[in-house]
Amino acid sequence: MRPITGADIIDFYNCRDELLTLTADGEFSGIDYTDVVNSPMQGTRADAYTFITTEDGDEAQVLLERSTIDDGEWFPDALDSDGNLAPSVADEMAAIINTDGILPSRALKAAEAGKQWKKATEEADRLAMARALAVAEVVAYCGGNQSLAGRTIGLDQSTVNKLVKKATAA
């Protein structure tokens, strides 16, 4: 993934698509409203930085709506007298989109991934302790013979030894 540039915005504007999006693959893509299946869009307008689902089932983040350039809503001086998007305005738009749209959404995504990782780690630790306690119980039923317990459950003796120590420390 790379930051969006003014050149990306000019390319989007020149291709006449209605929405500039950032795909889950980190690509900038121009699409039309007809390509959107599920979105939080109101009427025929897209809210900047919201996530949509495209016809092919992919998630994308809306970065820019073409009409905001055409209507002069965002930057009244965005278009020159020939109707071309001014490069300096496109660069300024890119800087704003990177700072206000792409970076915060990716920071939230990273924070959420961190929460999910922590939850998975806690679950893995819980399961590891359950395994250690179960192995220690097998050892106890084998009269404390870790070698016999290991053969019974298909583990080598050193693994059984480590798991028994873990269970004992709990």
C-alpha atoms as a PDB file:
ATOM      1  CA  MET A   1       0.000   0.000   0.000  1.00  0.00           C
ATOM      2  CA  ARG A   2       1.168   3.501  -0.759  1.00  0.00           C
ATOM      3  CA  PRO A   3      -0.218   6.959  -0.071  1.00  0.00           C
ATOM      4  CA  ILE A   4      -2.482   8.453  -2.690  1.00  0.00           C
ATOM      5  CA  THR A   5      -0.952  11.139  -4.899  1.00  0.00           C
ATOM      6  CA  GLY A   6      -2.282  14.067  -6.838  1.00  0.00           C
ATOM      7  CA  ALA A   7      -1.581  12.113 -10.027  1.00  0.00           C
ATOM      8  CA  ASP A   8      -3.899   9.334  -8.793  1.00  0.00           C
ATOM      9  CA  ILE A   9      -6.659  11.876  -8.253  1.00  0.00           C
ATOM     10  CA  ILE A  10      -6.133  13.438 -11.675  1.00  0.00           C
ATOM     11  CA  ASP A  11      -6.231   9.969 -13.275  1.00  0.00           C
ATOM     12  CA  PHE A  12      -9.468   9.234 -11.412  1.00  0.00           C
ATOM     13  CA  TYR A  13     -11.012  12.541 -12.469  1.00  0.00           C
ATOM     14  CA  ASN A  14     -10.025  12.057 -16.098  1.00  0.00           C
ATOM     15  CA  CYS A  15     -11.483   8.539 -16.288  1.00  0.00           C
ATOM     16  CA  ARG A  16     -14.950   9.920 -15.424  1.00  0.00           C
ATOM     17  CA  ASP A  17     -15.753   7.322 -12.725  1.00  0.00           C
ATOM     18  CA  GLU A  18     -18.048   8.479  -9.921  1.00  0.00           C
ATOM     19  CA  LEU A  19     -16.137   7.208  -6.880  1.00  0.00           C
ATOM     20  CA  LEU A  20     -12.450   6.882  -6.100  1.00  0.00           C
ATOM     21  CA  THR A  21     -11.958   3.967  -3.723  1.00  0.00           C
ATOM     22  CA  LEU A  22      -9.175   2.211  -1.880  1.00  0.00           C
ATOM     23  CA  THR A  23      -9.549  -1.552  -2.243  1.00  0.00           C
ATOM     24  CA  ALA A  24      -8.719  -4.127   0.410  1.00  0.00           C
ATOM     25  CA  ASP A  25      -5.630  -4.934  -1.692  1.00  0.00           C
ATOM     26  CA  GLY A  26      -4.391  -1.354  -1.264  1.00  0.00           C
ATOM     27  CA  GLU A  27      -5.156  -0.302  -4.840  1.00  0.00           C
ATOM     28  CA  PHE A  28      -6.872   2.905  -5.866  1.00  0.00           C
ATOM     29  CA  SER A  29      -9.840   2.169  -8.084  1.00  0.00           C
ATOM     30  CA  GLY A  30     -12.457   4.272  -9.797  1.00  0.00           C
ATOM     31  CA  ILE A  31     -15.971   2.817  -9.774  1.00  0.00           C
ATOM     32  CA  ASP A  32     -19.514   3.947 -10.505  1.00  0.00           C
ATOM     33  CA  TYR A  33     -22.473   3.887  -8.133  1.00  0.00           C
ATOM     34  CA  THR A  34     -23.866   0.947 -10.095  1.00  0.00           C
ATOM     35  CA  ASP A  35     -20.855  -1.104  -8.935  1.00  0.00           C
ATOM     36  CA  VAL A  36     -21.856  -0.662  -5.286  1.00  0.00           C
ATOM     37  CA  VAL A  37     -23.947  -3.407  -3.695  1.00  0.00           C
ATOM     38  CA  ASN A  38     -24.063  -2.463  -0.044  1.00  0.00           C
ATOM     39  CA  SER A  39     -23.125   0.917   1.308  1.00  0.00           C
ATOM     40  CA  PRO A  40     -23.957   3.551   3.889  1.00  0.00           C
ATOM     41  CA  MET A  41     -24.484   6.036   1.040  1.00  0.00           C
ATOM     42  CA  GLN A  42     -27.444   8.332   1.320  1.00  0.00           C
ATOM     43  CA  GLY A  43     -29.329   8.662  -1.949  1.00  0.00           C
ATOM     44  CA  THR A  44     -26.839   9.200  -4.744  1.00  0.00           C
ATOM     45  CA  ARG A  45     -24.096  10.655  -2.578  1.00  0.00           C
ATOM     46  CA  ALA A  46     -21.194   8.871  -0.935  1.00  0.00           C
ATOM     47  CA  ASP A  47     -19.845   9.815   2.445  1.00  0.00           C
ATOM     48  CA  ALA A  48     -16.087  10.184   2.278  1.00  0.00           C
ATOM     49  CA  TYR A  49     -14.073   7.475   4.014  1.00  0.00           C
ATOM     50  CA  THR A  50     -17.001   5.080   4.460  1.00  0.00           C
ATOM     51  CA  PHE A  51     -16.659   1.448   3.456  1.00  0.00           C
ATOM     52  CA  ILE A  52     -18.744  -0.078   0.692  1.00  0.00           C
ATOM     53  CA  THR A  53     -19.143  -3.505  -0.855  1.00  0.00           C
ATOM     54  CA  THR A  54     -18.681  -3.768  -4.607  1.00  0.00           C
ATOM     55  CA  GLU A  55     -20.562  -6.064  -6.987  1.00  0.00           C
ATOM     56  CA  ASP A  56     -17.745  -8.624  -6.846  1.00  0.00           C
ATOM     57  CA  GLY A  57     -18.094  -8.814  -3.043  1.00  0.00           C
ATOM     58  CA  ASP A  58     -14.948  -6.860  -2.205  1.00  0.00           C
ATOM     59  CA  GLU A  59     -14.815  -4.174   0.445  1.00  0.00           C
ATOM     60  CA  ALA A  60     -13.515  -0.742  -0.524  1.00  0.00           C
ATOM     61  CA  GLN A  61     -13.171   2.605   1.201  1.00  0.00           C
ATOM     62  CA  VAL A  62     -14.636   5.641  -0.545  1.00  0.00           C
ATOM     63  CA  LEU A  63     -11.962   8.316  -0.814  1.00  0.00           C
ATOM     64  CA  LEU A  64     -13.490  10.861  -3.166  1.00  0.00           C
ATOM     65  CA  GLU A  65     -16.679  11.464  -5.060  1.00  0.00           C
ATOM     66  CA  ARG A  66     -16.303  12.994  -8.508  1.00  0.00           C
ATOM     67  CA  SER A  67     -19.244  15.352  -8.037  1.00  0.00           C
ATOM     68  CA  THR A  68     -17.455  17.138  -5.173  1.00  0.00           C
ATOM     69  CA  ILE A  69     -14.824  18.202  -7.701  1.00  0.00           C
ATOM     70  CA  ASP A  70     -17.308  19.039 -10.469  1.00  0.00           C
ATOM     71  CA  ASP A  71     -19.568  21.024  -8.135  1.00  0.00           C
ATOM     72  CA  GLY A  72     -16.660  22.851  -6.524  1.00  0.00           C
ATOM     73  CA  GLU A  73     -17.918  21.843  -3.077  1.00  0.00           C
ATOM     74  CA  TRP A  74     -14.555  20.868  -1.692  1.00  0.00           C
ATOM     75  CA  PHE A  75     -12.253  23.158  -3.660  1.00  0.00           C
ATOM     76  CA  PRO A  76     -14.059  25.896  -5.586  1.00  0.00           C
ATOM     77  CA  ASP A  77     -10.955  26.537  -7.716  1.00  0.00           C
ATOM     78  CA  ALA A  78     -10.202  22.878  -8.479  1.00  0.00           C
ATOM     79  CA  LEU A  79     -10.882  23.087 -12.214  1.00  0.00           C
ATOM     80  CA  ASP A  80      -9.156  25.365 -14.670  1.00  0.00           C
ATOM     81  CA  SER A  81     -10.969  27.190 -17.471  1.00  0.00           C
ATOM     82  CA  ASP A  82     -10.672  24.085 -19.696  1.00  0.00           C
ATOM     83  CA  GLY A  83     -12.305  21.848 -17.071  1.00  0.00           C
ATOM     84  CA  ASN A  84      -9.049  20.122 -16.072  1.00  0.00           C
ATOM     85  CA  LEU A  85      -8.239  19.361 -12.459  1.00  0.00           C
ATOM     86  CA  ALA A  86      -5.378  21.590 -11.325  1.00  0.00           C
ATOM     87  CA  PRO A  87      -2.338  19.525 -10.244  1.00  0.00           C
ATOM     88  CA  SER A  88      -1.703  21.685  -7.169  1.00  0.00           C
ATOM     89  CA  VAL A  89      -5.308  21.181  -6.022  1.00  0.00           C
ATOM     90  CA  ALA A  90      -5.058  17.424  -6.675  1.00  0.00           C
ATOM     91  CA  ASP A  91      -1.891  17.317  -4.549  1.00  0.00           C
ATOM     92  CA  GLU A  92      -3.669  19.161  -1.745  1.00  0.00           C
ATOM     93  CA  MET A  93      -6.643  16.782  -2.001  1.00  0.00           C
ATOM     94  CA  ALA A  94      -4.278  13.807  -1.804  1.00  0.00           C
ATOM     95  CA  ALA A  95      -2.600  15.170   1.310  1.00  0.00           C
ATOM     96  CA  ILE A  96      -5.984  15.647   2.992  1.00  0.00           C
ATOM     97  CA  ILE A  97      -7.226  12.192   1.975  1.00  0.00           C
ATOM     98  CA  ASN A  98      -4.050  10.534   3.271  1.00  0.00           C
ATOM     99  CA  THR A  99      -4.246  12.372   6.592  1.00  0.00           C
ATOM    100  CA  ASP A 100      -7.982  12.409   7.242  1.00  0.00           C
ATOM    101  CA  GLY A 101      -9.160   9.236   5.518  1.00  0.00           C
ATOM    102  CA  ILE A 102      -6.602   6.579   4.799  1.00  0.00           C
ATOM    103  CA  LEU A 103      -4.361   6.885   7.860  1.00  0.00           C
ATOM    104  CA  PRO A 104      -7.126   6.957  10.504  1.00  0.00           C
ATOM    105  CA  SER A 105      -8.999   4.049   8.944  1.00  0.00           C
ATOM    106  CA  ARG A 106      -5.826   1.974   8.775  1.00  0.00           C
ATOM    107  CA  ALA A 107      -4.950   2.918  12.366  1.00  0.00           C
ATOM    108  CA  LEU A 108      -8.386   1.704  13.475  1.00  0.00           C
ATOM    109  CA  LYS A 109      -7.893  -1.468  11.461  1.00  0.00           C
ATOM    110  CA  ALA A 110      -4.524  -2.054  13.156  1.00  0.00           C
ATOM    111  CA  ALA A 111      -6.028  -1.434  16.602  1.00  0.00           C
ATOM    112  CA  GLU A 112      -8.851  -3.882  15.895  1.00  0.00           C
ATOM    113  CA  ALA A 113      -6.376  -6.475  14.624  1.00  0.00           C
ATOM    114  CA  GLY A 114      -4.416  -5.994  17.836  1.00  0.00           C
ATOM    115  CA  LYS A 115      -7.534  -6.641  19.919  1.00  0.00           C
ATOM    116  CA  GLN A 116      -8.310  -9.774  17.921  1.00  0.00           C
ATOM    117  CA  TRP A 117      -4.701 -10.964  18.272  1.00  0.00           C
ATOM    118  CA  LYS A 118      -4.800 -10.414  22.044  1.00  0.00           C
ATOM    119  CA  LYS A 119      -8.083 -12.314  22.287  1.00  0.00           C
ATOM    120  CA  ALA A 120      -6.661 -15.185  20.212  1.00  0.00           C
ATOM    121  CA  THR A 121      -3.492 -15.227  22.326  1.00  0.00           C
ATOM    122  CA  GLU A 122      -5.529 -15.409  25.525  1.00  0.00           C
ATOM    123  CA  GLU A 123      -7.551 -18.275  24.061  1.00  0.00           C
ATOM    124  CA  ALA A 124      -4.364 -20.060  22.954  1.00  0.00           C
ATOM    125  CA  ASP A 125      -2.883 -19.632  26.443  1.00  0.00           C
ATOM    126  CA  ARG A 126      -6.066 -20.988  28.010  1.00  0.00           C
ATOM    127  CA  LEU A 127      -6.008 -24.014  25.711  1.00  0.00           C
ATOM    128  CA  ALA A 128      -2.301 -24.587  26.375  1.00  0.00           C
ATOM    129  CA  MET A 129      -2.972 -24.646  30.111  1.00  0.00           C
ATOM    130  CA  ALA A 130      -5.912 -27.026  29.601  1.00  0.00           C
ATOM    131  CA  ARG A 131      -3.573 -29.303  27.648  1.00  0.00           C
ATOM    132  CA  ALA A 132      -0.909 -29.154  30.356  1.00  0.00           C
ATOM    133  CA  LEU A 133      -3.440 -29.977  33.071  1.00  0.00           C
ATOM    134  CA  ALA A 134      -4.849 -32.879  31.024  1.00  0.00           C
ATOM    135  CA  VAL A 135      -1.368 -34.318  30.414  1.00  0.00           C
ATOM    136  CA  ALA A 136      -0.520 -33.972  34.114  1.00  0.00           C
ATOM    137  CA  GLU A 137      -3.690 -35.887  34.903  1.00  0.00           C
ATOM    138  CA  VAL A 138      -2.634 -38.707  32.533  1.00  0.00           C
ATOM    139  CA  VAL A 139       0.776 -38.790  34.255  1.00  0.00           C
ATOM    140  CA  ALA A 140      -0.943 -39.084  37.629  1.00  0.00           C
ATOM    141  CA  TYR A 141      -3.029 -42.036  36.363  1.00  0.00           C
ATOM    142  CA  CYS A 142       0.176 -43.630  35.058  1.00  0.00           C
ATOM    143  CA  GLY A 143       1.574 -43.588  38.583  1.00  0.00           C
ATOM    144  CA  GLY A 144       3.830 -40.610  37.836  1.00  0.00           C
ATOM    145  CA  ASN A 145       5.578 -42.408  34.991  1.00  0.00           C
ATOM    146  CA  GLN A 146       6.004 -39.659  32.381  1.00  0.00           C
ATOM    147  CA  SER A 147       7.440 -42.059  29.813  1.00  0.00           C
ATOM    148  CA  LEU A 148       4.373 -44.318  30.009  1.00  0.00           C
ATOM    149  CA  ALA A 149       2.061 -41.285  29.926  1.00  0.00           C
ATOM    150  CA  GLY A 150       3.864 -39.980  26.832  1.00  0.00           C
ATOM    151  CA  ARG A 151       3.485 -43.305  25.023  1.00  0.00           C
ATOM    152  CA  THR A 152      -0.179 -43.451  26.017  1.00  0.00           C
ATOM    153  CA  ILE A 153      -1.022 -40.064  24.512  1.00  0.00           C
ATOM    154  CA  GLY A 154       1.565 -39.976  21.710  1.00  0.00           C
ATOM    155  CA  LEU A 155       3.993 -37.395  23.116  1.00  0.00           C
ATOM    156  CA  ASP A 156       7.691 -37.649  23.792  1.00  0.00           C
ATOM    157  CA  GLN A 157       8.815 -37.630  27.410  1.00  0.00           C
ATOM    158  CA  SER A 158      10.436 -34.181  27.255  1.00  0.00           C
ATOM    159  CA  THR A 159       7.144 -32.633  26.072  1.00  0.00           C
ATOM    160  CA  VAL A 160       5.279 -34.449  28.849  1.00  0.00           C
ATOM    161  CA  ASN A 161       7.873 -33.194  31.359  1.00  0.00           C
ATOM    162  CA  LYS A 162       7.451 -29.565  30.189  1.00  0.00           C
ATOM    163  CA  LEU A 163       3.661 -29.809  30.299  1.00  0.00           C
ATOM    164  CA  VAL A 164       3.693 -31.313  33.803  1.00  0.00           C
ATOM    165  CA  LYS A 165       5.960 -28.470  34.981  1.00  0.00           C
ATOM    166  CA  LYS A 166       3.587 -25.940  33.429  1.00  0.00           C
ATOM    167  CA  ALA A 167       0.592 -27.553  35.128  1.00  0.00           C
ATOM    168  CA  THR A 168       2.407 -27.703  38.454  1.00  0.00           C
ATOM    169  CA  ALA A 169       3.371 -24.027  38.249  1.00  0.00           C
ATOM    170  CA  ALA A 170      -0.266 -22.993  37.740  1.00  0.00           C
END
